[in-house]
Amino acid sequence: MDVESDIEALTKLNIRIGEAESIGDASVLEAVLAPKLAFRRADLKTFDDRTEFMKKVAPGDPRETLIQSIDVNGSAAFVRCIVTVKAAGGDKAYRNLRLFVRDPGGWTLLGWANEPV
């Protein structure tokens, strides 16, 4: 694949991740998460593995994902994005840094760090 195709695929995938989180679609998230995931929650204290992350998947407020940059380096890619949760009490925005690796089935999310904007 070429870098432009990778960037397009990763853009769509990251938007889909936000949509799946919003509606609590565990099947989409299970399909993209690596068998061993490292995930840091926005409280900057909680670290979840894949199992802990999946236990917390549930429908919630809608999310909008704004891709800031995608850096593809061979079979790995970093995606930087801002995820805004549209809550009744006011929007909350989070910086996301996501590390993807390419496997035979496509891009897999290996590492994910959140922090409030």
PDB file of N, CA and C in Angstrom:
ATOM      1  N   MET A   1       0.829  -1.187   0.000  1.00  0.00           N
ATOM      2  CA  MET A   1       0.000   0.000   0.000  1.00  0.00           C
ATOM      3  C   MET A   1       0.874   1.251   0.000  1.00  0.00           C
ATOM      4  N   ASP A   2       0.324   2.327  -0.534  1.00  0.00           N
ATOM      5  CA  ASP A   2       1.062   3.574  -0.505  1.00  0.00           C
ATOM      6  C   ASP A   2       0.618   4.405   0.699  1.00  0.00           C
ATOM      7  N   VAL A   3       1.405   5.411   1.005  1.00  0.00           N
ATOM      8  CA  VAL A   3       1.155   6.217   2.200  1.00  0.00           C
ATOM      9  C   VAL A   3      -0.198   6.913   2.124  1.00  0.00           C
ATOM     10  N   GLU A   4      -0.581   7.419   0.949  1.00  0.00           N
ATOM     11  CA  GLU A   4      -1.882   8.086   0.826  1.00  0.00           C
ATOM     12  C   GLU A   4      -3.026   7.140   1.144  1.00  0.00           C
ATOM     13  N   SER A   5      -2.947   5.898   0.676  1.00  0.00           N
ATOM     14  CA  SER A   5      -3.978   4.908   0.993  1.00  0.00           C
ATOM     15  C   SER A   5      -3.993   4.600   2.479  1.00  0.00           C
ATOM     16  N   ASP A   6      -2.809   4.515   3.078  1.00  0.00           N
ATOM     17  CA  ASP A   6      -2.717   4.272   4.525  1.00  0.00           C
ATOM     18  C   ASP A   6      -3.355   5.410   5.302  1.00  0.00           C
ATOM     19  N   ILE A   7      -3.077   6.645   4.906  1.00  0.00           N
ATOM     20  CA  ILE A   7      -3.630   7.802   5.601  1.00  0.00           C
ATOM     21  C   ILE A   7      -5.152   7.819   5.479  1.00  0.00           C
ATOM     22  N   GLU A   8      -5.657   7.512   4.314  1.00  0.00           N
ATOM     23  CA  GLU A   8      -7.112   7.453   4.130  1.00  0.00           C
ATOM     24  C   GLU A   8      -7.732   6.362   5.011  1.00  0.00           C
ATOM     25  N   ALA A   9      -7.116   5.175   5.017  1.00  0.00           N
ATOM     26  CA  ALA A   9      -7.621   4.062   5.827  1.00  0.00           C
ATOM     27  C   ALA A   9      -7.580   4.402   7.319  1.00  0.00           C
ATOM     28  N   LEU A  10      -6.485   5.004   7.768  1.00  0.00           N
ATOM     29  CA  LEU A  10      -6.344   5.355   9.186  1.00  0.00           C
ATOM     30  C   LEU A  10      -7.296   6.485   9.584  1.00  0.00           C
ATOM     31  N   THR A  11      -7.539   7.419   8.690  1.00  0.00           N
ATOM     32  CA  THR A  11      -8.505   8.484   8.961  1.00  0.00           C
ATOM     33  C   THR A  11      -9.883   7.879   9.200  1.00  0.00           C
ATOM     34  N   LYS A  12     -10.323   7.038   8.282  1.00  0.00           N
ATOM     35  CA  LYS A  12     -11.635   6.395   8.410  1.00  0.00           C
ATOM     36  C   LYS A  12     -11.706   5.536   9.670  1.00  0.00           C
ATOM     37  N   LEU A  13     -10.643   4.797   9.956  1.00  0.00           N
ATOM     38  CA  LEU A  13     -10.618   3.911  11.114  1.00  0.00           C
ATOM     39  C   LEU A  13     -10.728   4.700  12.418  1.00  0.00           C
ATOM     40  N   ASN A  14     -10.017   5.818  12.515  1.00  0.00           N
ATOM     41  CA  ASN A  14     -10.055   6.600  13.749  1.00  0.00           C
ATOM     42  C   ASN A  14     -11.413   7.258  13.961  1.00  0.00           C
ATOM     43  N   ILE A  15     -12.052   7.685  12.912  1.00  0.00           N
ATOM     44  CA  ILE A  15     -13.413   8.226  13.036  1.00  0.00           C
ATOM     45  C   ILE A  15     -14.370   7.113  13.450  1.00  0.00           C
ATOM     46  N   ARG A  16     -14.179   5.937  12.881  1.00  0.00           N
ATOM     47  CA  ARG A  16     -15.030   4.791  13.233  1.00  0.00           C
ATOM     48  C   ARG A  16     -14.852   4.387  14.700  1.00  0.00           C
ATOM     49  N   ILE A  17     -13.632   4.487  15.215  1.00  0.00           N
ATOM     50  CA  ILE A  17     -13.384   4.179  16.628  1.00  0.00           C
ATOM     51  C   ILE A  17     -14.236   5.096  17.509  1.00  0.00           C
ATOM     52  N   GLY A  18     -14.250   6.387  17.217  1.00  0.00           N
ATOM     53  CA  GLY A  18     -15.052   7.329  17.994  1.00  0.00           C
ATOM     54  C   GLY A  18     -16.535   7.022  17.907  1.00  0.00           C
ATOM     55  N   GLU A  19     -17.005   6.676  16.713  1.00  0.00           N
ATOM     56  CA  GLU A  19     -18.413   6.319  16.541  1.00  0.00           C
ATOM     57  C   GLU A  19     -18.755   5.069  17.344  1.00  0.00           C
ATOM     58  N   ALA A  20     -17.858   4.081  17.309  1.00  0.00           N
ATOM     59  CA  ALA A  20     -18.093   2.836  18.055  1.00  0.00           C
ATOM     60  C   ALA A  20     -18.101   3.089  19.559  1.00  0.00           C
ATOM     61  N   GLU A  21     -17.214   3.952  20.030  1.00  0.00           N
ATOM     62  CA  GLU A  21     -17.219   4.302  21.452  1.00  0.00           C
ATOM     63  C   GLU A  21     -18.533   4.978  21.840  1.00  0.00           C
ATOM     64  N   SER A  22     -19.022   5.876  20.996  1.00  0.00           N
ATOM     65  CA  SER A  22     -20.251   6.611  21.293  1.00  0.00           C
ATOM     66  C   SER A  22     -21.457   5.691  21.462  1.00  0.00           C
ATOM     67  N   ILE A  23     -21.552   4.681  20.602  1.00  0.00           N
ATOM     68  CA  ILE A  23     -22.728   3.797  20.658  1.00  0.00           C
ATOM     69  C   ILE A  23     -22.470   2.516  21.438  1.00  0.00           C
ATOM     70  N   GLY A  24     -21.242   2.352  21.931  1.00  0.00           N
ATOM     71  CA  GLY A  24     -20.917   1.157  22.707  1.00  0.00           C
ATOM     72  C   GLY A  24     -20.803  -0.090  21.861  1.00  0.00           C
ATOM     73  N   ASP A  25     -20.328   0.050  20.624  1.00  0.00           N
ATOM     74  CA  ASP A  25     -20.207  -1.087  19.703  1.00  0.00           C
ATOM     75  C   ASP A  25     -18.900  -1.838  19.962  1.00  0.00           C
ATOM     76  N   ALA A  26     -18.974  -2.818  20.859  1.00  0.00           N
ATOM     77  CA  ALA A  26     -17.784  -3.577  21.251  1.00  0.00           C
ATOM     78  C   ALA A  26     -17.186  -4.360  20.089  1.00  0.00           C
ATOM     79  N   SER A  27     -18.003  -4.817  19.150  1.00  0.00           N
ATOM     80  CA  SER A  27     -17.486  -5.641  18.052  1.00  0.00           C
ATOM     81  C   SER A  27     -16.510  -4.853  17.177  1.00  0.00           C
ATOM     82  N   VAL A  28     -16.796  -3.585  16.921  1.00  0.00           N
ATOM     83  CA  VAL A  28     -15.879  -2.753  16.131  1.00  0.00           C
ATOM     84  C   VAL A  28     -14.572  -2.575  16.883  1.00  0.00           C
ATOM     85  N   LEU A  29     -14.663  -2.280  18.176  1.00  0.00           N
ATOM     86  CA  LEU A  29     -13.456  -2.049  18.964  1.00  0.00           C
ATOM     87  C   LEU A  29     -12.635  -3.326  19.120  1.00  0.00           C
ATOM     88  N   GLU A  30     -13.290  -4.446  19.358  1.00  0.00           N
ATOM     89  CA  GLU A  30     -12.568  -5.716  19.459  1.00  0.00           C
ATOM     90  C   GLU A  30     -11.807  -6.035  18.177  1.00  0.00           C
ATOM     91  N   ALA A  31     -12.385  -5.677  17.037  1.00  0.00           N
ATOM     92  CA  ALA A  31     -11.761  -5.982  15.751  1.00  0.00           C
ATOM     93  C   ALA A  31     -10.501  -5.157  15.504  1.00  0.00           C
ATOM     94  N   VAL A  32     -10.397  -3.980  16.122  1.00  0.00           N
ATOM     95  CA  VAL A  32      -9.261  -3.106  15.847  1.00  0.00           C
ATOM     96  C   VAL A  32      -8.195  -3.137  16.944  1.00  0.00           C
ATOM     97  N   LEU A  33      -8.542  -3.552  18.149  1.00  0.00           N
ATOM     98  CA  LEU A  33      -7.571  -3.550  19.244  1.00  0.00           C
ATOM     99  C   LEU A  33      -6.598  -4.717  19.145  1.00  0.00           C
ATOM    100  N   ALA A  34      -5.338  -4.446  19.420  1.00  0.00           N
ATOM    101  CA  ALA A  34      -4.320  -5.491  19.453  1.00  0.00           C
ATOM    102  C   ALA A  34      -4.600  -6.439  20.625  1.00  0.00           C
ATOM    103  N   PRO A  35      -4.108  -7.673  20.527  1.00  0.00           N
ATOM    104  CA  PRO A  35      -4.309  -8.620  21.633  1.00  0.00           C
ATOM    105  C   PRO A  35      -3.781  -8.087  22.967  1.00  0.00           C
ATOM    106  N   LYS A  36      -2.730  -7.292  22.923  1.00  0.00           N
ATOM    107  CA  LYS A  36      -2.174  -6.631  24.107  1.00  0.00           C
ATOM    108  C   LYS A  36      -2.247  -5.135  23.837  1.00  0.00           C
ATOM    109  N   LEU A  37      -3.138  -4.448  24.523  1.00  0.00           N
ATOM    110  CA  LEU A  37      -3.335  -3.011  24.355  1.00  0.00           C
ATOM    111  C   LEU A  37      -2.801  -2.284  25.577  1.00  0.00           C
ATOM    112  N   ALA A  38      -2.180  -1.136  25.360  1.00  0.00           N
ATOM    113  CA  ALA A  38      -1.818  -0.225  26.446  1.00  0.00           C
ATOM    114  C   ALA A  38      -2.641   1.038  26.236  1.00  0.00           C
ATOM    115  N   PHE A  39      -3.514   1.348  27.201  1.00  0.00           N
ATOM    116  CA  PHE A  39      -4.428   2.482  27.087  1.00  0.00           C
ATOM    117  C   PHE A  39      -4.354   3.335  28.343  1.00  0.00           C
ATOM    118  N   ARG A  40      -4.050   4.633  28.175  1.00  0.00           N
ATOM    119  CA  ARG A  40      -4.051   5.547  29.310  1.00  0.00           C
ATOM    120  C   ARG A  40      -5.292   6.427  29.217  1.00  0.00           C
ATOM    121  N   ARG A  41      -6.085   6.393  30.267  1.00  0.00           N
ATOM    122  CA  ARG A  41      -7.317   7.189  30.315  1.00  0.00           C
ATOM    123  C   ARG A  41      -6.998   8.659  30.565  1.00  0.00           C
ATOM    124  N   ALA A  42      -7.984   9.503  30.310  1.00  0.00           N
ATOM    125  CA  ALA A  42      -7.797  10.951  30.383  1.00  0.00           C
ATOM    126  C   ALA A  42      -7.540  11.465  31.793  1.00  0.00           C
ATOM    127  N   ASP A  43      -7.767  10.637  32.819  1.00  0.00           N
ATOM    128  CA  ASP A  43      -7.432  11.073  34.181  1.00  0.00           C
ATOM    129  C   ASP A  43      -5.920  11.054  34.421  1.00  0.00           C
ATOM    130  N   LEU A  44      -5.176  10.540  33.454  1.00  0.00           N
ATOM    131  CA  LEU A  44      -3.713  10.465  33.465  1.00  0.00           C
ATOM    132  C   LEU A  44      -3.163   9.530  34.536  1.00  0.00           C
ATOM    133  N   LYS A  45      -4.036   8.770  35.198  1.00  0.00           N
ATOM    134  CA  LYS A  45      -3.630   7.846  36.259  1.00  0.00           C
ATOM    135  C   LYS A  45      -4.000   6.404  35.945  1.00  0.00           C
ATOM    136  N   THR A  46      -5.075   6.221  35.182  1.00  0.00           N
ATOM    137  CA  THR A  46      -5.606   4.880  34.937  1.00  0.00           C
ATOM    138  C   THR A  46      -5.040   4.318  33.636  1.00  0.00           C
ATOM    139  N   PHE A  47      -4.477   3.114  33.746  1.00  0.00           N
ATOM    140  CA  PHE A  47      -3.957   2.406  32.585  1.00  0.00           C
ATOM    141  C   PHE A  47      -4.736   1.104  32.437  1.00  0.00           C
ATOM    142  N   ASP A  48      -5.315   0.902  31.261  1.00  0.00           N
ATOM    143  CA  ASP A  48      -6.102  -0.301  30.999  1.00  0.00           C
ATOM    144  C   ASP A  48      -5.410  -1.164  29.960  1.00  0.00           C
ATOM    145  N   ASP A  49      -5.536  -2.471  30.136  1.00  0.00           N
ATOM    146  CA  ASP A  49      -5.158  -3.379  29.069  1.00  0.00           C
ATOM    147  C   ASP A  49      -6.409  -3.620  28.218  1.00  0.00           C
ATOM    148  N   ARG A  50      -6.310  -4.484  27.256  1.00  0.00           N
ATOM    149  CA  ARG A  50      -7.437  -4.738  26.362  1.00  0.00           C
ATOM    150  C   ARG A  50      -8.683  -5.201  27.132  1.00  0.00           C
ATOM    151  N   THR A  51      -8.494  -6.110  28.068  1.00  0.00           N
ATOM    152  CA  THR A  51      -9.625  -6.662  28.822  1.00  0.00           C
ATOM    153  C   THR A  51     -10.327  -5.566  29.618  1.00  0.00           C
ATOM    154  N   GLU A  52      -9.563  -4.749  30.341  1.00  0.00           N
ATOM    155  CA  GLU A  52     -10.151  -3.672  31.139  1.00  0.00           C
ATOM    156  C   GLU A  52     -10.831  -2.643  30.244  1.00  0.00           C
ATOM    157  N   PHE A  53     -10.210  -2.321  29.117  1.00  0.00           N
ATOM    158  CA  PHE A  53     -10.813  -1.368  28.189  1.00  0.00           C
ATOM    159  C   PHE A  53     -12.173  -1.884  27.709  1.00  0.00           C
ATOM    160  N   MET A  54     -12.216  -3.134  27.288  1.00  0.00           N
ATOM    161  CA  MET A  54     -13.456  -3.695  26.734  1.00  0.00           C
ATOM    162  C   MET A  54     -14.555  -3.780  27.791  1.00  0.00           C
ATOM    163  N   LYS A  55     -14.204  -3.997  29.049  1.00  0.00           N
ATOM    164  CA  LYS A  55     -15.208  -4.047  30.121  1.00  0.00           C
ATOM    165  C   LYS A  55     -15.935  -2.720  30.278  1.00  0.00           C
ATOM    166  N   LYS A  56     -15.280  -1.628  29.897  1.00  0.00           N
ATOM    167  CA  LYS A  56     -15.838  -0.291  30.096  1.00  0.00           C
ATOM    168  C   LYS A  56     -16.558   0.256  28.859  1.00  0.00           C
ATOM    169  N   VAL A  57     -16.607  -0.522  27.786  1.00  0.00           N
ATOM    170  CA  VAL A  57     -17.291  -0.069  26.570  1.00  0.00           C
ATOM    171  C   VAL A  57     -18.799  -0.070  26.820  1.00  0.00           C
ATOM    172  N   ALA A  58     -19.410   1.085  26.603  1.00  0.00           N
ATOM    173  CA  ALA A  58     -20.861   1.236  26.799  1.00  0.00           C
ATOM    174  C   ALA A  58     -21.313   2.460  26.015  1.00  0.00           C
ATOM    175  N   PRO A  59     -22.584   2.500  25.641  1.00  0.00           N
ATOM    176  CA  PRO A  59     -23.074   3.698  24.946  1.00  0.00           C
ATOM    177  C   PRO A  59     -22.852   4.942  25.793  1.00  0.00           C
ATOM    178  N   GLY A  60     -22.550   6.039  25.118  1.00  0.00           N
ATOM    179  CA  GLY A  60     -22.307   7.286  25.829  1.00  0.00           C
ATOM    180  C   GLY A  60     -22.631   8.473  24.945  1.00  0.00           C
ATOM    181  N   ASP A  61     -22.113   9.605  25.332  1.00  0.00           N
ATOM    182  CA  ASP A  61     -22.340  10.821  24.562  1.00  0.00           C
ATOM    183  C   ASP A  61     -21.640  10.727  23.205  1.00  0.00           C
ATOM    184  N   PRO A  62     -22.175  11.420  22.203  1.00  0.00           N
ATOM    185  CA  PRO A  62     -21.551  11.388  20.875  1.00  0.00           C
ATOM    186  C   PRO A  62     -20.154  12.008  20.898  1.00  0.00           C
ATOM    187  N   ARG A  63     -19.300  11.460  20.051  1.00  0.00           N
ATOM    188  CA  ARG A  63     -17.925  11.951  19.933  1.00  0.00           C
ATOM    189  C   ARG A  63     -17.680  12.440  18.513  1.00  0.00           C
ATOM    190  N   GLU A  64     -16.882  13.488  18.415  1.00  0.00           N
ATOM    191  CA  GLU A  64     -16.391  13.961  17.122  1.00  0.00           C
ATOM    192  C   GLU A  64     -14.882  13.813  17.139  1.00  0.00           C
ATOM    193  N   THR A  65     -14.339  13.233  16.090  1.00  0.00           N
ATOM    194  CA  THR A  65     -12.899  13.011  16.001  1.00  0.00           C
ATOM    195  C   THR A  65     -12.318  13.911  14.919  1.00  0.00           C
ATOM    196  N   LEU A  66     -11.378  14.762  15.318  1.00  0.00           N
ATOM    197  CA  LEU A  66     -10.683  15.649  14.393  1.00  0.00           C
ATOM    198  C   LEU A  66      -9.243  15.153  14.274  1.00  0.00           C
ATOM    199  N   ILE A  67      -8.893  14.644  13.109  1.00  0.00           N
ATOM    200  CA  ILE A  67      -7.534  14.142  12.882  1.00  0.00           C
ATOM    201  C   ILE A  67      -6.600  15.338  12.738  1.00  0.00           C
ATOM    202  N   GLN A  68      -5.539  15.355  13.523  1.00  0.00           N
ATOM    203  CA  GLN A  68      -4.538  16.417  13.438  1.00  0.00           C
ATOM    204  C   GLN A  68      -3.376  16.007  12.542  1.00  0.00           C
ATOM    205  N   SER A  69      -2.922  14.764  12.702  1.00  0.00           N
ATOM    206  CA  SER A  69      -1.822  14.293  11.862  1.00  0.00           C
ATOM    207  C   SER A  69      -1.785  12.770  11.872  1.00  0.00           C
ATOM    208  N   ILE A  70      -1.258  12.236  10.786  1.00  0.00           N
ATOM    209  CA  ILE A  70      -1.025  10.794  10.669  1.00  0.00           C
ATOM    210  C   ILE A  70       0.378  10.625  10.114  1.00  0.00           C
ATOM    211  N   ASP A  71       1.211   9.914  10.851  1.00  0.00           N
ATOM    212  CA  ASP A  71       2.596   9.675  10.451  1.00  0.00           C
ATOM    213  C   ASP A  71       2.773   8.179  10.237  1.00  0.00           C
ATOM    214  N   VAL A  72       2.876   7.778   8.977  1.00  0.00           N
ATOM    215  CA  VAL A  72       3.057   6.361   8.633  1.00  0.00           C
ATOM    216  C   VAL A  72       4.543   6.109   8.455  1.00  0.00           C
ATOM    217  N   ASN A  73       5.031   5.074   9.141  1.00  0.00           N
ATOM    218  CA  ASN A  73       6.436   4.698   9.062  1.00  0.00           C
ATOM    219  C   ASN A  73       6.501   3.200   8.838  1.00  0.00           C
ATOM    220  N   GLY A  74       6.472   2.771   7.587  1.00  0.00           N
ATOM    221  CA  GLY A  74       6.484   1.343   7.268  1.00  0.00           C
ATOM    222  C   GLY A  74       5.214   0.682   7.757  1.00  0.00           C
ATOM    223  N   SER A  75       5.366  -0.267   8.678  1.00  0.00           N
ATOM    224  CA  SER A  75       4.207  -1.012   9.180  1.00  0.00           C
ATOM    225  C   SER A  75       3.692  -0.474  10.507  1.00  0.00           C
ATOM    226  N   ALA A  76       4.056   0.773  10.824  1.00  0.00           N
ATOM    227  CA  ALA A  76       3.556   1.417  12.043  1.00  0.00           C
ATOM    228  C   ALA A  76       3.086   2.822  11.694  1.00  0.00           C
ATOM    229  N   ALA A  77       2.169   3.335  12.508  1.00  0.00           N
ATOM    230  CA  ALA A  77       1.670   4.689  12.275  1.00  0.00           C
ATOM    231  C   ALA A  77       1.257   5.314  13.593  1.00  0.00           C
ATOM    232  N   PHE A  78       1.523   6.620  13.712  1.00  0.00           N
ATOM    233  CA  PHE A  78       1.024   7.420  14.838  1.00  0.00           C
ATOM    234  C   PHE A  78      -0.092   8.305  14.317  1.00  0.00           C
ATOM    235  N   VAL A  79      -1.199   8.308  15.040  1.00  0.00           N
ATOM    236  CA  VAL A  79      -2.317   9.192  14.712  1.00  0.00           C
ATOM    237  C   VAL A  79      -2.524  10.123  15.898  1.00  0.00           C
ATOM    238  N   ARG A  80      -2.510  11.414  15.619  1.00  0.00           N
ATOM    239  CA  ARG A  80      -2.833  12.429  16.631  1.00  0.00           C
ATOM    240  C   ARG A  80      -4.193  12.994  16.283  1.00  0.00           C
ATOM    241  N   CYS A  81      -5.083  13.023  17.263  1.00  0.00           N
ATOM    242  CA  CYS A  81      -6.412  13.572  17.017  1.00  0.00           C
ATOM    243  C   CYS A  81      -6.968  14.198  18.282  1.00  0.00           C
ATOM    244  N   ILE A  82      -7.976  15.033  18.074  1.00  0.00           N
ATOM    245  CA  ILE A  82      -8.732  15.613  19.182  1.00  0.00           C
ATOM    246  C   ILE A  82     -10.114  14.970  19.139  1.00  0.00           C
ATOM    247  N   VAL A  83     -10.506  14.381  20.244  1.00  0.00           N
ATOM    248  CA  VAL A  83     -11.837  13.783  20.357  1.00  0.00           C
ATOM    249  C   VAL A  83     -12.659  14.677  21.276  1.00  0.00           C
ATOM    250  N   THR A  84     -13.773  15.168  20.750  1.00  0.00           N
ATOM    251  CA  THR A  84     -14.662  16.017  21.533  1.00  0.00           C
ATOM    252  C   THR A  84     -15.915  15.231  21.870  1.00  0.00           C
ATOM    253  N   VAL A  85     -16.163  15.099  23.169  1.00  0.00           N
ATOM    254  CA  VAL A  85     -17.368  14.422  23.649  1.00  0.00           C
ATOM    255  C   VAL A  85     -18.436  15.491  23.824  1.00  0.00           C
ATOM    256  N   LYS A  86     -19.556  15.321  23.121  1.00  0.00           N
ATOM    257  CA  LYS A  86     -20.656  16.285  23.118  1.00  0.00           C
ATOM    258  C   LYS A  86     -21.620  15.948  24.250  1.00  0.00           C
ATOM    259  N   ALA A  87     -21.325  16.438  25.444  1.00  0.00           N
ATOM    260  CA  ALA A  87     -22.118  16.121  26.625  1.00  0.00           C
ATOM    261  C   ALA A  87     -23.141  17.226  26.902  1.00  0.00           C
ATOM    262  N   ALA A  88     -24.234  16.857  27.521  1.00  0.00           N
ATOM    263  CA  ALA A  88     -25.291  17.816  27.846  1.00  0.00           C
ATOM    264  C   ALA A  88     -24.765  18.936  28.741  1.00  0.00           C
ATOM    265  N   GLY A  89     -23.847  18.606  29.624  1.00  0.00           N
ATOM    266  CA  GLY A  89     -23.282  19.592  30.537  1.00  0.00           C
ATOM    267  C   GLY A  89     -22.164  20.414  29.937  1.00  0.00           C
ATOM    268  N   GLY A  90     -21.876  20.207  28.675  1.00  0.00           N
ATOM    269  CA  GLY A  90     -20.801  20.937  27.990  1.00  0.00           C
ATOM    270  C   GLY A  90     -19.832  19.976  27.330  1.00  0.00           C
ATOM    271  N   ASP A  91     -19.282  20.410  26.225  1.00  0.00           N
ATOM    272  CA  ASP A  91     -18.334  19.577  25.482  1.00  0.00           C
ATOM    273  C   ASP A  91     -17.037  19.415  26.264  1.00  0.00           C
ATOM    274  N   LYS A  92     -16.423  18.248  26.098  1.00  0.00           N
ATOM    275  CA  LYS A  92     -15.125  17.973  26.692  1.00  0.00           C
ATOM    276  C   LYS A  92     -14.216  17.466  25.573  1.00  0.00           C
ATOM    277  N   ALA A  93     -13.034  18.056  25.454  1.00  0.00           N
ATOM    278  CA  ALA A  93     -12.105  17.688  24.392  1.00  0.00           C
ATOM    279  C   ALA A  93     -10.879  16.998  24.980  1.00  0.00           C
ATOM    280  N   TYR A  94     -10.385  16.019  24.233  1.00  0.00           N
ATOM    281  CA  TYR A  94      -9.246  15.204  24.674  1.00  0.00           C
ATOM    282  C   TYR A  94      -8.256  15.032  23.529  1.00  0.00           C
ATOM    283  N   ARG A  95      -6.972  15.187  23.853  1.00  0.00           N
ATOM    284  CA  ARG A  95      -5.919  14.834  22.905  1.00  0.00           C
ATOM    285  C   ARG A  95      -5.757  13.324  22.937  1.00  0.00           C
ATOM    286  N   ASN A  96      -5.651  12.736  21.760  1.00  0.00           N
ATOM    287  CA  ASN A  96      -5.415  11.298  21.648  1.00  0.00           C
ATOM    288  C   ASN A  96      -4.169  11.082  20.806  1.00  0.00           C
ATOM    289  N   LEU A  97      -3.292  10.240  21.279  1.00  0.00           N
ATOM    290  CA  LEU A  97      -2.152   9.779  20.501  1.00  0.00           C
ATOM    291  C   LEU A  97      -2.308   8.274  20.403  1.00  0.00           C
ATOM    292  N   ARG A  98      -2.394   7.780  19.177  1.00  0.00           N
ATOM    293  CA  ARG A  98      -2.667   6.353  18.957  1.00  0.00           C
ATOM    294  C   ARG A  98      -1.566   5.748  18.093  1.00  0.00           C
ATOM    295  N   LEU A  99      -1.073   4.601  18.531  1.00  0.00           N
ATOM    296  CA  LEU A  99      -0.056   3.857  17.796  1.00  0.00           C
ATOM    297  C   LEU A  99      -0.716   2.645  17.146  1.00  0.00           C
ATOM    298  N   PHE A 100      -0.641   2.587  15.834  1.00  0.00           N
ATOM    299  CA  PHE A 100      -1.172   1.455  15.073  1.00  0.00           C
ATOM    300  C   PHE A 100      -0.029   0.665  14.456  1.00  0.00           C
ATOM    301  N   VAL A 101      -0.229  -0.633  14.322  1.00  0.00           N
ATOM    302  CA  VAL A 101       0.691  -1.490  13.587  1.00  0.00           C
ATOM    303  C   VAL A 101      -0.105  -2.232  12.521  1.00  0.00           C
ATOM    304  N   ARG A 102       0.547  -2.461  11.399  1.00  0.00           N
ATOM    305  CA  ARG A 102      -0.114  -3.159  10.309  1.00  0.00           C
ATOM    306  C   ARG A 102       0.111  -4.660  10.465  1.00  0.00           C
ATOM    307  N   ASP A 103      -0.971  -5.411  10.401  1.00  0.00           N
ATOM    308  CA  ASP A 103      -0.867  -6.868  10.378  1.00  0.00           C
ATOM    309  C   ASP A 103      -1.593  -7.353   9.114  1.00  0.00           C
ATOM    310  N   PRO A 104      -1.608  -8.641   8.850  1.00  0.00           N
ATOM    311  CA  PRO A 104      -2.237  -9.108   7.600  1.00  0.00           C
ATOM    312  C   PRO A 104      -3.705  -8.698   7.440  1.00  0.00           C
ATOM    313  N   GLY A 105      -4.404  -8.461   8.545  1.00  0.00           N
ATOM    314  CA  GLY A 105      -5.811  -8.069   8.465  1.00  0.00           C
ATOM    315  C   GLY A 105      -6.032  -6.572   8.358  1.00  0.00           C
ATOM    316  N   GLY A 106      -4.981  -5.782   8.431  1.00  0.00           N
ATOM    317  CA  GLY A 106      -5.111  -4.327   8.370  1.00  0.00           C
ATOM    318  C   GLY A 106      -4.430  -3.664   9.553  1.00  0.00           C
ATOM    319  N   TRP A 107      -4.879  -2.472   9.890  1.00  0.00           N
ATOM    320  CA  TRP A 107      -4.286  -1.711  10.985  1.00  0.00           C
ATOM    321  C   TRP A 107      -4.876  -2.140  12.325  1.00  0.00           C
ATOM    322  N   THR A 108      -3.998  -2.315  13.309  1.00  0.00           N
ATOM    323  CA  THR A 108      -4.380  -2.733  14.654  1.00  0.00           C
ATOM    324  C   THR A 108      -3.887  -1.685  15.649  1.00  0.00           C
ATOM    325  N   LEU A 109      -4.750  -1.319  16.601  1.00  0.00           N
ATOM    326  CA  LEU A 109      -4.414  -0.307  17.600  1.00  0.00           C
ATOM    327  C   LEU A 109      -3.662  -0.955  18.763  1.00  0.00           C
ATOM    328  N   LEU A 110      -2.414  -0.555  18.934  1.00  0.00           N
ATOM    329  CA  LEU A 110      -1.526  -1.152  19.928  1.00  0.00           C
ATOM    330  C   LEU A 110      -1.380  -0.286  21.185  1.00  0.00           C
ATOM    331  N   GLY A 111      -1.309   1.030  21.006  1.00  0.00           N
ATOM    332  CA  GLY A 111      -1.133   1.928  22.139  1.00  0.00           C
ATOM    333  C   GLY A 111      -1.998   3.172  21.961  1.00  0.00           C
ATOM    334  N   TRP A 112      -2.523   3.691  23.085  1.00  0.00           N
ATOM    335  CA  TRP A 112      -3.479   4.792  23.018  1.00  0.00           C
ATOM    336  C   TRP A 112      -3.357   5.594  24.301  1.00  0.00           C
ATOM    337  N   ALA A 113      -3.043   6.877  24.154  1.00  0.00           N
ATOM    338  CA  ALA A 113      -2.936   7.762  25.323  1.00  0.00           C
ATOM    339  C   ALA A 113      -3.891   8.940  25.143  1.00  0.00           C
ATOM    340  N   ASN A 114      -4.631   9.238  26.192  1.00  0.00           N
ATOM    341  CA  ASN A 114      -5.584  10.349  26.238  1.00  0.00           C
ATOM    342  C   ASN A 114      -5.101  11.370  27.236  1.00  0.00           C
ATOM    343  N   GLU A 115      -5.477  12.628  27.005  1.00  0.00           N
ATOM    344  CA  GLU A 115      -5.301  13.669  28.006  1.00  0.00           C
ATOM    345  C   GLU A 115      -6.275  14.792  27.694  1.00  0.00           C
ATOM    346  N   PRO A 116      -6.749  15.473  28.727  1.00  0.00           N
ATOM    347  CA  PRO A 116      -7.666  16.582  28.491  1.00  0.00           C
ATOM    348  C   PRO A 116      -6.958  17.697  27.709  1.00  0.00           C
ATOM    349  N   VAL A 117      -7.705  18.423  26.900  1.00  0.00           N
ATOM    350  CA  VAL A 117      -7.144  19.561  26.164  1.00  0.00           C
ATOM    351  C   VAL A 117      -7.112  20.751  27.093  1.00  0.00           C
TER     352      VAL A 117
END
